[in-house]
Amino acid sequence: MPETQLERARSGEVTPAMERVAERENRDPAFVRREVAEGRAVIPNNHAHESLDPMVIGRAFATKVNANIGNSETTSDRSEELEKLHAAVHYGADTVMDLSTGDALDATREANVAHSPVPVGTVPIYEAVKRAGSPEAIAPELLLNVIEKQAEQGVDYMTIHAGILAEHLPLTDGRKTGIVSRGGSILAEWMEERGAQNPLYAEFEAICEVFAEHDVTVSLGDGLRPGCLADASDEAQFAELDALGELTRTAQERGVQVMVEGPGHVPMDEIAENVERQQSVCDGAPFYVLGPLVTDVAPGYDHITSAIGATEAARAGAAMLCYVTPKEHLGLPEAEDVRDGLAAYRIAAHAADVANDRPGARDWDDALSEARYEFDWRRQFDLALDPERARSYHDQTLPGDNYKEARFCSMCGAEFCSMRIDQDARDADGEMTAIEGAEETDLDASAAASANLPPVGTHDTSRVPDRIEIEGVTFTPEASGDDD
């Protein structure tokens, strides 16, 4: 049986995945191996995910961003799902989670895994409910069968809500929004109806055996995460966190890589404390946070409210940020929502890496600032986090090629452009020294990880197939329509 990345790291081996990660992070492969061996980093890398370009999640590395995709009961279109996957990878997602709850779950998942150069995660309890018909009808054997099948399909990590226990449920009675995690609410209903302990907790060692066989990383889900500011940092949340610390050690003892999921709604002043508490309770296992959202008043703009919290969480040590789109709480995201959510979270991740003084992280900022001062519009666009958006906004008012050489934009115009005024003053016979000739930032020589250099959506896609056929439907990497 192939060993996991964790087991091989503990044995002193630097695996090909670790070598690739070291290349992308601009770090020593031996350092990557040590972080994985100590459980402070994970490399989600299912043996069966042939199209994967390996990446690492850990607080010592560049902050990563996950994009949630997937269909729902009311929206179920396989072509749209691959369009979302393509948008997520193109705009810089480091991982994607297929949270589908609608039709054709197996075909959608298989197509996503086959076409994704980034790790794919799932929440198997969703499929278990779909197959059982209702939460209380789920049999533990069905849960294990679903988990094993998804592992065989190549899923790299799975959210397992094993930390929400029967004794925790009364602790939620005084909350404003109760249990807001889908997985948490499903398991709470199961425990209430069955009068038994969480089956994912009871069967956790058996689940670990499946994960170890396929090298699936377990993402320990926060089923009792707060769904509003009023419920943040309460007794229920922290009771579950203590259980997640226990499960972290159980999984790692069995050679399974572990990351831990964190809260969704937290006031700004409590975020760092939440990160530090998780790192202590879970022995430094990577923390994967949803947001957190720092206010509850902005439906339609929660990609902003959450990106603010995500920046603070990453600055405090969170290793991966789960993006939130403008549709959060309102509807199923479409491809453009994926784009907007990823832009907000790539900004959050990069800003935190700059604040944490990651090697070379600010070089990208410096290079773009130099291009801006020089009125090198084409280089500005090329260096932008979303080049297409930056170019489009500029060209809405100044579309001609001649304006790509202009020393102004339409915001200030030629007369009031501060940088033009500054340059002219420095060129005149005055006391200010000309900036012209200052040393320019060489991004090719930067020590930054690839996540901190443009373009952020660069992955090795050489192993992504040109086309696959699943259940009579032909899928291609960028979209998945029927090949009529």
Protein backbone atom coordinates (compact mmCIF):
# COMPACT_ATOMS: atom_id res chain seq x y z
CA MET A 1 0.00 0.00 0.00
CA PRO A 2 1.43 3.44 -0.93
CA GLU A 3 2.36 5.55 2.08
CA THR A 4 1.00 9.02 2.71
CA GLN A 5 2.99 12.23 2.34
CA LEU A 6 3.02 12.44 6.14
CA GLU A 7 4.41 8.94 6.60
CA ARG A 8 7.05 9.42 3.93
CA ALA A 9 8.06 12.78 5.40
CA ARG A 10 8.43 11.19 8.83
CA SER A 11 10.66 8.50 7.34
CA GLY A 12 12.99 11.20 5.98
CA GLU A 13 11.93 10.97 2.32
CA VAL A 14 11.56 14.03 0.12
CA THR A 15 8.82 12.99 -2.30
CA PRO A 16 8.30 14.30 -5.85
CA ALA A 17 5.30 16.27 -4.53
CA MET A 18 7.54 17.90 -1.91
CA GLU A 19 10.08 18.75 -4.60
CA ARG A 20 7.37 20.42 -6.70
CA VAL A 21 6.03 22.29 -3.67
CA ALA A 22 9.54 23.52 -2.84
CA GLU A 23 9.89 24.81 -6.39
CA ARG A 24 6.58 26.69 -6.24
CA GLU A 25 7.27 28.10 -2.77
CA ASN A 26 10.93 28.89 -3.46
CA ARG A 27 11.92 26.94 -0.36
CA ASP A 28 14.35 24.17 0.49
CA PRO A 29 12.77 20.71 -0.10
CA ALA A 30 14.13 19.60 3.26
CA PHE A 31 12.17 22.41 4.94
CA VAL A 32 8.98 21.31 3.18
CA ARG A 33 9.56 17.74 4.39
CA ARG A 34 10.06 18.86 8.00
CA GLU A 35 6.89 20.95 8.05
CA VAL A 36 4.86 18.03 6.67
CA ALA A 37 6.49 15.58 9.08
CA GLU A 38 5.63 17.78 12.05
CA GLY A 39 2.00 18.12 10.94
CA ARG A 40 2.32 21.88 10.44
CA ALA A 41 1.74 21.58 6.68
CA VAL A 42 -0.21 19.30 4.35
CA ILE A 43 0.13 18.41 0.67
CA PRO A 44 -3.32 17.20 -0.45
CA ASN A 45 -2.34 14.64 -3.06
CA ASN A 46 -4.65 11.66 -3.64
CA HIS A 47 -2.78 8.88 -5.45
CA ALA A 48 -5.57 8.77 -8.06
CA HIS A 49 -5.61 12.51 -8.94
CA GLU A 50 -3.49 12.28 -12.07
CA SER A 51 -3.95 15.89 -13.26
CA LEU A 52 -2.80 17.44 -9.96
CA ASP A 53 -0.02 20.02 -9.68
CA PRO A 54 0.94 19.58 -5.99
CA MET A 55 0.68 22.49 -3.56
CA VAL A 56 1.18 22.96 0.19
CA ILE A 57 -0.99 24.41 2.96
CA GLY A 58 0.80 25.59 6.10
CA ARG A 59 1.41 28.81 7.99
CA ALA A 60 5.12 28.82 7.05
CA PHE A 61 4.18 29.05 3.36
CA ALA A 62 2.28 31.50 1.17
CA THR A 63 -1.34 31.89 2.25
CA LYS A 64 -3.63 29.78 0.08
CA VAL A 65 -7.18 30.38 -1.15
CA ASN A 66 -9.95 27.84 -1.68
CA ALA A 67 -12.93 28.36 -3.98
CA ASN A 68 -16.20 26.55 -3.32
CA ILE A 69 -18.05 25.38 -6.40
CA GLY A 70 -20.84 22.87 -6.95
CA ASN A 71 -24.45 22.51 -8.01
CA SER A 72 -27.55 22.59 -5.81
CA GLU A 73 -31.02 21.08 -5.67
CA THR A 74 -32.34 24.07 -7.63
CA THR A 75 -29.40 24.52 -10.01
CA SER A 76 -27.76 21.48 -11.57
CA ASP A 77 -25.80 21.94 -14.80
CA ARG A 78 -22.57 20.05 -15.39
CA SER A 79 -21.30 22.46 -18.02
CA GLU A 80 -21.69 25.38 -15.60
CA GLU A 81 -19.78 23.46 -12.94
CA LEU A 82 -16.74 22.96 -15.16
CA GLU A 83 -17.02 26.61 -16.18
CA LYS A 84 -16.80 27.51 -12.48
CA LEU A 85 -13.80 25.20 -12.06
CA HIS A 86 -12.05 26.83 -15.01
CA ALA A 87 -12.83 30.32 -13.63
CA ALA A 88 -11.57 29.33 -10.18
CA VAL A 89 -8.26 27.99 -11.47
CA HIS A 90 -7.81 30.88 -13.92
CA TYR A 91 -8.33 33.52 -11.24
CA GLY A 92 -5.99 31.95 -8.73
CA ALA A 93 -7.70 29.32 -6.58
CA ASP A 94 -5.17 27.07 -4.88
CA THR A 95 -7.82 24.42 -4.18
CA VAL A 96 -11.49 23.93 -5.01
CA MET A 97 -14.25 22.25 -3.02
CA ASP A 98 -17.04 20.51 -4.92
CA LEU A 99 -20.04 21.11 -2.62
CA SER A 100 -22.60 19.71 -5.05
CA THR A 101 -25.95 18.64 -3.60
CA GLY A 102 -27.93 18.36 -6.83
CA ASP A 103 -28.05 15.75 -9.57
CA ALA A 104 -25.25 13.75 -11.23
CA LEU A 105 -22.96 13.95 -8.20
CA ASP A 106 -20.57 11.24 -9.36
CA ALA A 107 -20.22 12.58 -12.91
CA THR A 108 -19.72 16.15 -11.68
CA ARG A 109 -17.09 15.07 -9.17
CA GLU A 110 -15.24 12.84 -11.63
CA ALA A 111 -15.13 15.61 -14.23
CA ASN A 112 -13.86 18.13 -11.68
CA VAL A 113 -11.10 15.82 -10.46
CA ALA A 114 -10.05 14.89 -13.98
CA HIS A 115 -9.82 18.52 -15.11
CA SER A 116 -8.45 20.14 -11.97
CA PRO A 117 -4.71 20.86 -11.63
CA VAL A 118 -5.44 21.97 -8.04
CA PRO A 119 -6.55 19.77 -5.12
CA VAL A 120 -10.27 18.96 -5.00
CA GLY A 121 -12.15 18.73 -1.71
CA THR A 122 -15.64 17.45 -0.88
CA VAL A 123 -18.05 17.09 2.04
CA PRO A 124 -19.19 13.45 1.82
CA ILE A 125 -22.08 13.87 4.27
CA TYR A 126 -23.92 15.75 1.49
CA GLU A 127 -23.92 12.73 -0.81
CA ALA A 128 -24.82 10.47 2.09
CA VAL A 129 -27.97 12.52 2.75
CA LYS A 130 -28.81 12.47 -0.95
CA ARG A 131 -28.52 8.68 -1.08
CA ALA A 132 -30.31 8.03 2.23
CA GLY A 133 -33.17 10.46 1.57
CA SER A 134 -32.98 12.23 4.94
CA PRO A 135 -30.39 12.88 7.68
CA GLU A 136 -31.86 10.40 10.18
CA ALA A 137 -31.88 7.63 7.53
CA ILE A 138 -28.10 7.70 7.08
CA ALA A 139 -26.47 4.44 8.15
CA PRO A 140 -22.83 4.52 9.34
CA GLU A 141 -22.03 1.93 6.67
CA LEU A 142 -23.38 4.28 4.00
CA LEU A 143 -21.14 7.07 5.26
CA LEU A 144 -18.08 4.86 5.03
CA ASN A 145 -19.07 3.66 1.55
CA VAL A 146 -19.46 7.24 0.29
CA ILE A 147 -16.12 8.26 1.77
CA GLU A 148 -14.34 5.27 0.25
CA LYS A 149 -15.91 5.84 -3.17
CA GLN A 150 -14.94 9.51 -3.23
CA ALA A 151 -11.40 8.60 -2.17
CA GLU A 152 -11.22 6.12 -5.06
CA GLN A 153 -12.43 8.86 -7.44
CA GLY A 154 -9.37 10.95 -6.59
CA VAL A 155 -10.68 13.52 -4.08
CA ASP A 156 -7.68 15.08 -2.32
CA TYR A 157 -9.28 16.23 0.92
CA MET A 158 -12.63 15.79 2.63
CA THR A 159 -14.41 17.81 5.26
CA ILE A 160 -15.39 15.45 8.06
CA HIS A 161 -17.58 16.97 10.78
CA ALA A 162 -16.43 14.48 13.41
CA GLY A 163 -15.98 17.03 16.20
CA ILE A 164 -19.62 17.93 16.78
CA LEU A 165 -20.69 15.60 19.59
CA ALA A 166 -24.04 14.83 21.20
CA GLU A 167 -22.97 16.54 24.42
CA HIS A 168 -22.26 19.76 22.51
CA LEU A 169 -25.78 20.23 21.15
CA PRO A 170 -27.32 21.76 24.31
CA LEU A 171 -24.58 24.39 24.23
CA THR A 172 -26.17 25.87 21.08
CA ASP A 173 -29.56 26.54 22.69
CA GLY A 174 -28.85 30.20 23.51
CA ARG A 175 -27.52 31.13 20.09
CA LYS A 176 -29.10 33.64 17.73
CA THR A 177 -28.57 31.52 14.62
CA GLY A 178 -28.20 28.01 15.99
CA ILE A 179 -26.16 25.57 13.87
CA VAL A 180 -25.36 27.11 10.47
CA SER A 181 -22.99 24.47 9.08
CA ARG A 182 -24.83 22.23 6.64
CA GLY A 183 -22.83 19.22 7.79
CA GLY A 184 -23.21 20.19 11.42
CA SER A 185 -26.98 20.57 11.17
CA ILE A 186 -27.35 17.23 9.37
CA LEU A 187 -25.37 15.42 12.06
CA ALA A 188 -27.16 17.24 14.88
CA GLU A 189 -30.50 16.04 13.48
CA TRP A 190 -29.08 12.52 13.12
CA MET A 191 -27.94 12.46 16.76
CA GLU A 192 -31.25 13.89 18.01
CA GLU A 193 -33.31 11.35 16.06
CA ARG A 194 -31.08 8.34 16.72
CA GLY A 195 -30.12 9.15 20.31
CA ALA A 196 -26.56 8.14 19.43
CA GLN A 197 -23.13 9.70 19.12
CA ASN A 198 -21.94 11.34 15.88
CA PRO A 199 -21.20 8.41 13.52
CA LEU A 200 -18.24 10.27 12.01
CA TYR A 201 -16.71 10.47 15.49
CA ALA A 202 -17.57 6.86 16.31
CA GLU A 203 -16.14 5.60 13.00
CA PHE A 204 -13.22 8.03 12.81
CA GLU A 205 -10.51 5.38 13.02
CA ALA A 206 -12.11 3.44 10.14
CA ILE A 207 -12.31 6.67 8.14
CA CYS A 208 -8.61 7.25 8.81
CA GLU A 209 -7.82 3.83 7.35
CA VAL A 210 -9.50 4.83 4.07
CA PHE A 211 -7.72 8.18 4.04
CA ALA A 212 -4.34 6.60 4.71
CA GLU A 213 -4.82 4.13 1.86
CA HIS A 214 -5.49 6.86 -0.71
CA ASP A 215 -3.57 9.73 0.97
CA VAL A 216 -6.67 11.85 1.42
CA THR A 217 -6.13 14.81 3.73
CA VAL A 218 -8.78 15.14 6.41
CA SER A 219 -10.19 18.63 6.84
CA LEU A 220 -11.79 18.57 10.26
CA GLY A 221 -15.02 20.50 9.83
CA ASP A 222 -16.34 23.09 12.26
CA GLY A 223 -19.96 21.99 12.52
CA LEU A 224 -20.60 24.43 15.36
CA ARG A 225 -19.00 27.48 13.78
CA PRO A 226 -20.77 30.76 14.61
CA GLY A 227 -23.21 32.02 12.00
CA CYS A 228 -23.34 35.57 13.34
CA LEU A 229 -21.18 37.88 15.45
CA ALA A 230 -23.34 37.28 18.53
CA ASP A 231 -22.49 33.55 18.51
CA ALA A 232 -18.73 33.91 17.99
CA SER A 233 -16.25 32.44 20.46
CA ASP A 234 -18.96 30.75 22.51
CA GLU A 235 -18.88 27.59 24.57
CA ALA A 236 -20.24 25.41 21.75
CA GLN A 237 -17.60 26.54 19.26
CA PHE A 238 -14.71 25.96 21.64
CA ALA A 239 -16.05 22.62 22.91
CA GLU A 240 -15.99 21.35 19.34
CA LEU A 241 -12.50 22.79 18.84
CA ASP A 242 -11.24 20.73 21.78
CA ALA A 243 -12.68 17.62 20.12
CA LEU A 244 -10.96 18.59 16.87
CA GLY A 245 -7.64 18.74 18.73
CA GLU A 246 -8.18 15.15 19.87
CA LEU A 247 -9.11 14.05 16.35
CA THR A 248 -6.06 15.81 14.89
CA ARG A 249 -3.79 13.64 17.00
CA THR A 250 -5.79 10.48 16.22
CA ALA A 251 -5.49 11.04 12.47
CA GLN A 252 -1.81 11.99 12.52
CA GLU A 253 -0.97 8.92 14.58
CA ARG A 254 -2.43 6.89 11.70
CA GLY A 255 -0.39 8.70 9.07
CA VAL A 256 -3.23 10.91 7.82
CA GLN A 257 -2.57 14.54 6.94
CA VAL A 258 -4.79 16.97 8.86
CA MET A 259 -6.02 20.53 8.55
CA VAL A 260 -8.67 22.12 10.74
CA GLU A 261 -11.54 24.34 9.63
CA GLY A 262 -12.39 27.56 11.44
CA PRO A 263 -15.22 29.97 12.20
CA GLY A 264 -17.31 31.95 9.74
CA HIS A 265 -18.54 35.04 11.62
CA VAL A 266 -16.16 36.64 14.14
CA PRO A 267 -15.74 40.26 15.28
CA MET A 268 -12.44 41.74 14.15
CA ASP A 269 -11.01 41.95 17.67
CA GLU A 270 -11.54 38.21 18.30
CA ILE A 271 -10.00 36.81 15.11
CA ALA A 272 -6.36 36.60 16.20
CA GLU A 273 -7.40 34.97 19.47
CA ASN A 274 -9.38 32.34 17.52
CA VAL A 275 -6.39 31.53 15.30
CA GLU A 276 -3.97 31.32 18.22
CA ARG A 277 -6.35 29.07 20.17
CA GLN A 278 -6.71 26.66 17.25
CA GLN A 279 -2.96 26.50 16.75
CA SER A 280 -2.48 25.64 20.42
CA VAL A 281 -5.31 23.10 20.70
CA CYS A 282 -4.51 21.36 17.39
CA ASP A 283 -0.70 21.31 17.77
CA GLY A 284 -0.04 23.68 14.87
CA ALA A 285 -2.11 21.81 12.26
CA PRO A 286 -2.94 24.15 9.34
CA PHE A 287 -5.96 26.34 10.00
CA TYR A 288 -8.46 26.72 7.14
CA VAL A 289 -10.94 29.54 7.75
CA LEU A 290 -14.19 30.63 6.10
CA GLY A 291 -13.79 34.40 6.07
CA PRO A 292 -14.30 35.24 8.89
CA LEU A 293 -17.07 37.77 8.24
CA VAL A 294 -16.53 40.77 10.50
CA THR A 295 -20.05 42.18 10.22
CA ASP A 296 -23.49 40.74 9.47
CA VAL A 297 -25.08 43.77 7.79
CA ALA A 298 -23.89 43.48 4.16
CA PRO A 299 -25.69 40.77 2.14
CA GLY A 300 -24.51 41.15 -1.45
CA TYR A 301 -21.11 42.39 -0.28
CA ASP A 302 -19.97 39.54 1.94
CA HIS A 303 -16.93 38.95 -0.26
CA ILE A 304 -15.77 42.27 1.24
CA THR A 305 -16.89 41.77 4.85
CA SER A 306 -15.21 38.36 4.86
CA ALA A 307 -12.03 39.39 3.04
CA ILE A 308 -11.40 41.92 5.81
CA GLY A 309 -11.56 39.14 8.38
CA ALA A 310 -9.59 36.76 6.17
CA THR A 311 -6.70 39.21 5.99
CA GLU A 312 -6.59 39.44 9.77
CA ALA A 313 -6.86 35.65 10.16
CA ALA A 314 -4.01 35.02 7.71
CA ARG A 315 -1.88 37.69 9.38
CA ALA A 316 -2.42 35.83 12.67
CA GLY A 317 -1.42 32.47 11.17
CA ALA A 318 -4.31 30.92 9.23
CA ALA A 319 -2.86 28.86 6.38
CA MET A 320 -5.78 28.78 3.90
CA LEU A 321 -8.75 31.06 3.33
CA CYS A 322 -12.06 29.81 2.01
CA TYR A 323 -13.43 32.49 -0.27
CA VAL A 324 -16.87 34.02 0.07
CA THR A 325 -18.62 35.40 -3.01
CA PRO A 326 -21.09 38.31 -3.28
CA LYS A 327 -23.85 35.67 -3.41
CA GLU A 328 -23.13 34.36 0.13
CA HIS A 329 -26.39 33.90 2.06
CA LEU A 330 -28.34 34.83 -1.09
CA GLY A 331 -27.86 32.32 -3.90
CA LEU A 332 -25.65 29.85 -5.77
CA PRO A 333 -22.53 31.57 -7.17
CA GLU A 334 -22.01 31.74 -10.93
CA ALA A 335 -18.70 32.08 -12.76
CA GLU A 336 -18.55 35.87 -12.38
CA ASP A 337 -19.22 35.56 -8.64
CA VAL A 338 -16.34 33.08 -8.44
CA ARG A 339 -14.14 35.68 -10.13
CA ASP A 340 -15.15 38.45 -7.69
CA GLY A 341 -14.78 36.23 -4.64
CA LEU A 342 -11.35 35.04 -5.70
CA ALA A 343 -10.15 38.58 -6.39
CA ALA A 344 -11.15 39.64 -2.87
CA TYR A 345 -9.42 36.63 -1.31
CA ARG A 346 -6.27 36.77 -3.39
CA ILE A 347 -5.95 40.35 -2.17
CA ALA A 348 -6.50 39.20 1.42
CA ALA A 349 -3.95 36.40 1.15
CA HIS A 350 -1.34 38.57 -0.52
CA ALA A 351 -1.84 41.45 1.91
CA ALA A 352 -1.32 39.07 4.83
CA ASP A 353 1.83 37.63 3.27
CA VAL A 354 3.20 41.15 2.83
CA ALA A 355 2.31 42.01 6.43
CA ASN A 356 3.97 38.80 7.64
CA ASP A 357 7.11 39.68 5.66
CA ARG A 358 7.09 36.50 3.58
CA PRO A 359 10.25 36.44 1.42
CA GLY A 360 9.70 38.45 -1.76
CA ALA A 361 5.96 38.89 -1.19
CA ARG A 362 6.10 42.68 -1.69
CA ASP A 363 8.13 42.48 -4.89
CA TRP A 364 4.93 42.24 -6.93
CA ASP A 365 3.62 45.44 -5.31
CA ASP A 366 6.89 47.24 -5.96
CA ALA A 367 7.00 46.19 -9.61
CA LEU A 368 3.47 47.40 -10.24
CA SER A 369 4.15 50.69 -8.41
CA GLU A 370 7.16 51.29 -10.63
CA ALA A 371 5.09 50.64 -13.76
CA ARG A 372 2.40 52.98 -12.49
CA TYR A 373 4.84 55.83 -11.86
CA GLU A 374 6.36 55.34 -15.29
CA PHE A 375 2.89 55.38 -16.93
CA ASP A 376 3.68 51.98 -18.41
CA TRP A 377 0.04 51.04 -18.80
CA ARG A 378 0.62 47.73 -20.57
CA ARG A 379 2.93 46.52 -17.80
CA GLN A 380 0.44 47.70 -15.18
CA PHE A 381 -2.23 45.56 -16.79
CA ASP A 382 0.09 42.55 -17.06
CA LEU A 383 1.02 42.85 -13.39
CA ALA A 384 -2.53 43.39 -12.13
CA LEU A 385 -4.18 40.69 -10.04
CA ASP A 386 -6.98 40.62 -12.64
CA PRO A 387 -5.40 41.98 -15.86
CA GLU A 388 -8.60 41.73 -17.87
CA ARG A 389 -10.55 43.78 -15.33
CA ALA A 390 -7.86 46.46 -15.01
CA ARG A 391 -7.54 46.82 -18.79
CA SER A 392 -11.30 46.95 -19.25
CA TYR A 393 -11.79 49.70 -16.66
CA HIS A 394 -9.03 51.81 -18.19
CA ASP A 395 -10.33 51.36 -21.72
CA GLN A 396 -13.91 52.30 -20.86
CA THR A 397 -12.92 55.97 -20.99
CA LEU A 398 -9.55 55.97 -22.81
CA PRO A 399 -9.73 53.07 -25.27
CA GLY A 400 -7.28 54.18 -27.96
CA ASP A 401 -3.77 52.76 -28.26
CA ASN A 402 -2.39 56.28 -27.98
CA TYR A 403 -3.69 56.42 -24.41
CA LYS A 404 -1.45 53.47 -23.51
CA GLU A 405 1.39 56.00 -23.73
CA ALA A 406 -0.47 58.82 -21.94
CA ARG A 407 0.83 60.35 -18.73
CA PHE A 408 -2.61 60.43 -17.15
CA CYS A 409 -5.85 58.49 -16.81
CA SER A 410 -9.46 59.72 -16.83
CA MET A 411 -9.63 59.91 -13.04
CA CYS A 412 -7.54 63.09 -12.78
CA GLY A 413 -6.91 64.00 -16.40
CA ALA A 414 -3.66 65.46 -17.71
CA GLU A 415 -3.85 68.72 -15.78
CA PHE A 416 -4.36 67.25 -12.32
CA CYS A 417 -2.39 63.99 -12.52
CA SER A 418 -0.24 64.02 -9.38
CA MET A 419 2.43 61.68 -10.77
CA ARG A 420 2.83 63.78 -13.93
CA ILE A 421 3.10 66.94 -11.81
CA ASP A 422 5.68 65.25 -9.57
CA GLN A 423 7.75 64.04 -12.52
CA ASP A 424 7.71 67.47 -14.17
CA ALA A 425 8.81 69.11 -10.93
CA ARG A 426 11.69 66.67 -10.56
CA ASP A 427 12.76 67.26 -14.17
CA ALA A 428 12.79 71.01 -13.63
CA ASP A 429 15.70 72.87 -12.04
CA GLY A 430 14.51 72.32 -8.50
CA GLU A 431 15.70 70.64 -5.34
CA MET A 432 13.84 67.34 -5.77
CA THR A 433 15.93 64.47 -7.11
CA ALA A 434 14.71 62.70 -10.22
CA ILE A 435 13.46 59.16 -9.58
CA GLU A 436 14.33 58.11 -13.12
CA GLY A 437 17.00 55.43 -13.15
CA ALA A 438 16.12 53.93 -9.76
CA GLU A 439 16.69 50.19 -9.49
CA GLU A 440 13.69 48.27 -10.79
CA THR A 441 12.25 45.18 -9.15
CA ASP A 442 13.21 41.97 -10.95
CA LEU A 443 10.33 39.57 -10.46
CA ASP A 444 12.24 36.79 -12.21
CA ALA A 445 14.79 36.90 -9.39
CA SER A 446 12.21 37.29 -6.60
CA ALA A 447 12.27 34.96 -3.61
CA ALA A 448 8.46 35.01 -3.51
CA ALA A 449 6.30 31.92 -3.73
CA SER A 450 4.39 31.53 -6.99
CA ALA A 451 1.19 32.56 -5.19
CA ASN A 452 2.80 35.96 -4.64
CA LEU A 453 3.85 36.55 -8.23
CA PRO A 454 1.73 37.26 -11.31
CA PRO A 455 -0.11 35.56 -12.83
CA VAL A 456 -1.67 33.94 -9.76
CA GLY A 457 -3.63 31.44 -11.84
CA THR A 458 -0.56 29.67 -13.20
CA HIS A 459 -0.63 25.90 -12.69
CA ASP A 460 0.95 23.02 -14.54
CA THR A 461 -1.94 21.71 -16.63
CA SER A 462 0.08 19.29 -18.72
CA ARG A 463 -1.66 16.31 -17.09
CA VAL A 464 -5.18 17.68 -17.58
CA PRO A 465 -6.83 15.58 -20.34
CA ASP A 466 -8.08 17.26 -23.49
CA ARG A 467 -11.40 15.47 -23.11
CA ILE A 468 -13.02 12.73 -21.10
CA GLU A 469 -16.36 11.00 -21.41
CA ILE A 470 -18.51 10.26 -18.36
CA GLU A 471 -21.98 8.76 -18.61
CA GLY A 472 -22.17 9.60 -22.31
CA VAL A 473 -21.20 13.25 -21.83
CA THR A 474 -17.95 14.60 -23.25
CA PHE A 475 -16.08 17.03 -21.01
CA THR A 476 -13.27 19.42 -21.99
CA PRO A 477 -11.03 21.40 -19.63
CA GLU A 478 -12.72 24.80 -20.11
CA ALA A 479 -16.33 23.74 -20.45
CA SER A 480 -18.32 20.55 -20.50
CA GLY A 481 -21.08 20.63 -23.05
CA ASP A 482 -22.30 17.66 -25.03
CA ASP A 483 -20.06 17.08 -28.04
CA ASP A 484 -22.83 16.91 -30.65
